[in-house]
C-alpha atoms as a PDB file:
ATOM      1  CA  MET A   1     150.814 102.674-132.045  1.00  0.00           C
ATOM      2  CA  HIS A   2     153.087 104.694-130.745  1.00  0.00           C
ATOM      3  CA  SER A   3     155.817 103.737-129.615  1.00  0.00           C
ATOM      4  CA  LYS A   4     158.139 105.358-126.379  1.00  0.00           C
ATOM      5  CA  LYS A   5     161.712 106.954-126.997  1.00  0.00           C
ATOM      6  CA  ILE A   6     163.906 105.860-124.329  1.00  0.00           C
ATOM      7  CA  VAL A   7     165.999 108.190-123.055  1.00  0.00           C
ATOM      8  CA  ILE A   8     168.757 108.083-121.334  1.00  0.00           C
ATOM      9  CA  LEU A   9     169.588 110.964-119.490  1.00  0.00           C
ATOM     10  CA  ASN A  10     172.438 111.033-117.524  1.00  0.00           C
ATOM     11  CA  PRO A  11     174.943 107.981-119.495  1.00  0.00           C
ATOM     12  CA  ALA A  12     177.603 108.173-116.424  1.00  0.00           C
ATOM     13  CA  ARG A  13     175.153 106.773-114.326  1.00  0.00           C
ATOM     14  CA  PHE A  14     173.456 103.907-116.472  1.00  0.00           C
ATOM     15  CA  ILE A  15     176.938 102.996-116.900  1.00  0.00           C
ATOM     16  CA  LEU A  16     176.989 102.779-112.933  1.00  0.00           C
ATOM     17  CA  PHE A  17     174.093 101.200-113.001  1.00  0.00           C
ATOM     18  CA  VAL A  18     174.744  98.274-115.227  1.00  0.00           C
ATOM     19  CA  VAL A  19     178.146  97.189-113.543  1.00  0.00           C
ATOM     20  CA  THR A  20     176.864  97.681-110.347  1.00  0.00           C
ATOM     21  CA  CYS A  21     174.384  95.396-111.292  1.00  0.00           C
ATOM     22  CA  LEU A  22     176.889  92.826-113.401  1.00  0.00           C
ATOM     23  CA  CYS A  23     178.967  93.075-110.067  1.00  0.00           C
ATOM     24  CA  VAL A  24     175.988  92.109-107.840  1.00  0.00           C
ATOM     25  CA  LEU A  25     174.889  88.791-110.613  1.00  0.00           C
ATOM     26  CA  SER A  26     178.192  87.810-110.872  1.00  0.00           C
ATOM     27  CA  LEU A  27     179.019  87.840-105.944  1.00  0.00           C
ATOM     28  CA  MET A  28     175.090  85.903-106.116  1.00  0.00           C
ATOM     29  CA  THR A  29     176.121  83.096-108.857  1.00  0.00           C
ATOM     30  CA  SER A  30     179.920  82.871-106.889  1.00  0.00           C
ATOM     31  CA  ILE A  31     178.138  82.268-103.572  1.00  0.00           C
ATOM     32  CA  VAL A  32     175.249  80.295-104.425  1.00  0.00           C
ATOM     33  CA  LEU A  33     176.755  77.910-106.705  1.00  0.00           C
ATOM     34  CA  PRO A  34     179.499  76.649-104.244  1.00  0.00           C
ATOM     35  CA  LEU A  35     176.125  75.283-101.898  1.00  0.00           C
ATOM     36  CA  ALA A  36     174.720  74.065-105.168  1.00  0.00           C
ATOM     37  CA  SER A  37     177.317  71.995-105.603  1.00  0.00           C
ATOM     38  CA  GLY A  38     177.766  70.624-102.303  1.00  0.00           C
ATOM     39  CA  GLN A  39     181.116  72.386-102.019  1.00  0.00           C
ATOM     40  CA  SER A  40     180.306  73.618 -98.425  1.00  0.00           C
ATOM     41  CA  LYS A  41     181.121  70.494 -96.949  1.00  0.00           C
ATOM     42  CA  THR A  42     184.267  70.066 -98.226  1.00  0.00           C
ATOM     43  CA  SER A  43     187.140  69.587 -95.437  1.00  0.00           C
ATOM     44  CA  LEU A  44     190.696  69.669 -95.793  1.00  0.00           C
ATOM     45  CA  ILE A  45     193.836  67.672 -95.122  1.00  0.00           C
ATOM     46  CA  ARG A  46     197.556  68.730 -95.560  1.00  0.00           C
ATOM     47  CA  VAL A  47     199.716  67.334 -97.370  1.00  0.00           C
ATOM     48  CA  GLU A  48     203.641  67.845 -97.054  1.00  0.00           C
ATOM     49  CA  ILE A  49     205.646  68.291-100.828  1.00  0.00           C
ATOM     50  CA  ARG A  50     208.093  64.958-100.873  1.00  0.00           C
ATOM     51  CA  SER A  51     210.643  65.666-103.949  1.00  0.00           C
ATOM     52  CA  GLY A  52     209.080  64.568-106.846  1.00  0.00           C
ATOM     53  CA  ASP A  53     205.658  64.999-106.200  1.00  0.00           C
ATOM     54  CA  THR A  54     203.560  67.380-108.619  1.00  0.00           C
ATOM     55  CA  LEU A  55     200.375  68.574-107.978  1.00  0.00           C
ATOM     56  CA  TRP A  56     198.645  65.997-110.599  1.00  0.00           C
ATOM     57  CA  SER A  57     200.095  63.787-109.298  1.00  0.00           C
ATOM     58  CA  ILE A  58     198.837  64.419-105.435  1.00  0.00           C
ATOM     59  CA  ALA A  59     195.575  65.662-107.296  1.00  0.00           C
ATOM     60  CA  GLN A  60     195.538  61.875-108.438  1.00  0.00           C
ATOM     61  CA  THR A  61     196.538  60.032-104.523  1.00  0.00           C
ATOM     62  CA  TYR A  62     193.460  62.267-102.943  1.00  0.00           C
ATOM     63  CA  ASN A  63     190.577  61.572-105.562  1.00  0.00           C
ATOM     64  CA  GLU A  64     188.669  60.114-103.631  1.00  0.00           C
ATOM     65  CA  THR A  65     185.615  60.661-105.351  1.00  0.00           C
ATOM     66  CA  GLY A  66     186.679  60.079-109.121  1.00  0.00           C
ATOM     67  CA  LYS A  67     186.302  63.400-110.136  1.00  0.00           C
ATOM     68  CA  ASP A  68     188.257  64.568-113.585  1.00  0.00           C
ATOM     69  CA  VAL A  69     191.957  65.375-112.152  1.00  0.00           C
ATOM     70  CA  ARG A  70     192.284  68.606-114.164  1.00  0.00           C
ATOM     71  CA  ARG A  71     189.569  70.179-111.682  1.00  0.00           C
ATOM     72  CA  LEU A  72     191.039  68.835-108.407  1.00  0.00           C
ATOM     73  CA  VAL A  73     194.007  69.952-109.190  1.00  0.00           C
ATOM     74  CA  HIS A  74     192.339  73.629-110.254  1.00  0.00           C
ATOM     75  CA  GLU A  75     190.906  72.678-106.581  1.00  0.00           C
ATOM     76  CA  ILE A  76     193.940  72.065-104.295  1.00  0.00           C
ATOM     77  CA  MET A  77     195.143  75.728-106.562  1.00  0.00           C
ATOM     78  CA  GLN A  78     192.451  77.641-105.811  1.00  0.00           C
ATOM     79  CA  ALA A  79     192.603  76.214-101.875  1.00  0.00           C
ATOM     80  CA  ASN A  80     196.028  77.141-101.150  1.00  0.00           C
ATOM     81  CA  GLN A  81     195.736  80.347-103.465  1.00  0.00           C
ATOM     82  CA  LEU A  82     198.537  79.219-105.738  1.00  0.00           C
ATOM     83  CA  ASP A  83     199.400  81.212-108.752  1.00  0.00           C
ATOM     84  CA  SER A  84     201.306  78.324-109.837  1.00  0.00           C
ATOM     85  CA  PRO A  85     200.871  74.578-110.847  1.00  0.00           C
ATOM     86  CA  ILE A  86     204.891  74.749-109.160  1.00  0.00           C
ATOM     87  CA  ILE A  87     204.913  73.003-105.920  1.00  0.00           C
ATOM     88  CA  HIS A  88     208.644  72.804-103.700  1.00  0.00           C
ATOM     89  CA  ALA A  89     209.292  69.582-101.464  1.00  0.00           C
ATOM     90  CA  GLY A  90     208.458  70.246 -98.449  1.00  0.00           C
ATOM     91  CA  GLN A  91     205.490  72.659 -98.689  1.00  0.00           C
ATOM     92  CA  THR A  92     202.251  71.697 -96.912  1.00  0.00           C
ATOM     93  CA  LEU A  93     198.981  71.660 -98.845  1.00  0.00           C
ATOM     94  CA  LYS A  94     195.550  72.328 -98.427  1.00  0.00           C
ATOM     95  CA  ILE A  95     193.830  69.042 -99.993  1.00  0.00           C
ATOM     96  CA  PRO A  96     190.180  69.915-101.054  1.00  0.00           C
ATOM     97  CA  GLN A  97     188.010  66.345 -99.296  1.00  0.00           C
ATOM     98  CA  MET A  98     184.591  65.828 -99.966  1.00  0.00           C
END
């Protein structure tokens, strides 16, 4: 049997093709997974933070579906574009609700 040898004529163009394919795959995954998990039906409520509140305590208070509190903390951080879990009294947060 004679096997064909694959030769990449333009390595830079091949790398660009692979990176583009990975970006498209990543974009499609970020669109399809939230739709499949029902995240698209999530509504948001606004809560004003009081002294002593933490993201954990807020997530426990508003966890109506019984999901993992860590996941709800993450969702709250995403909904409010928070880089850290530090919150302050008087701040208003959006809390995802199903």
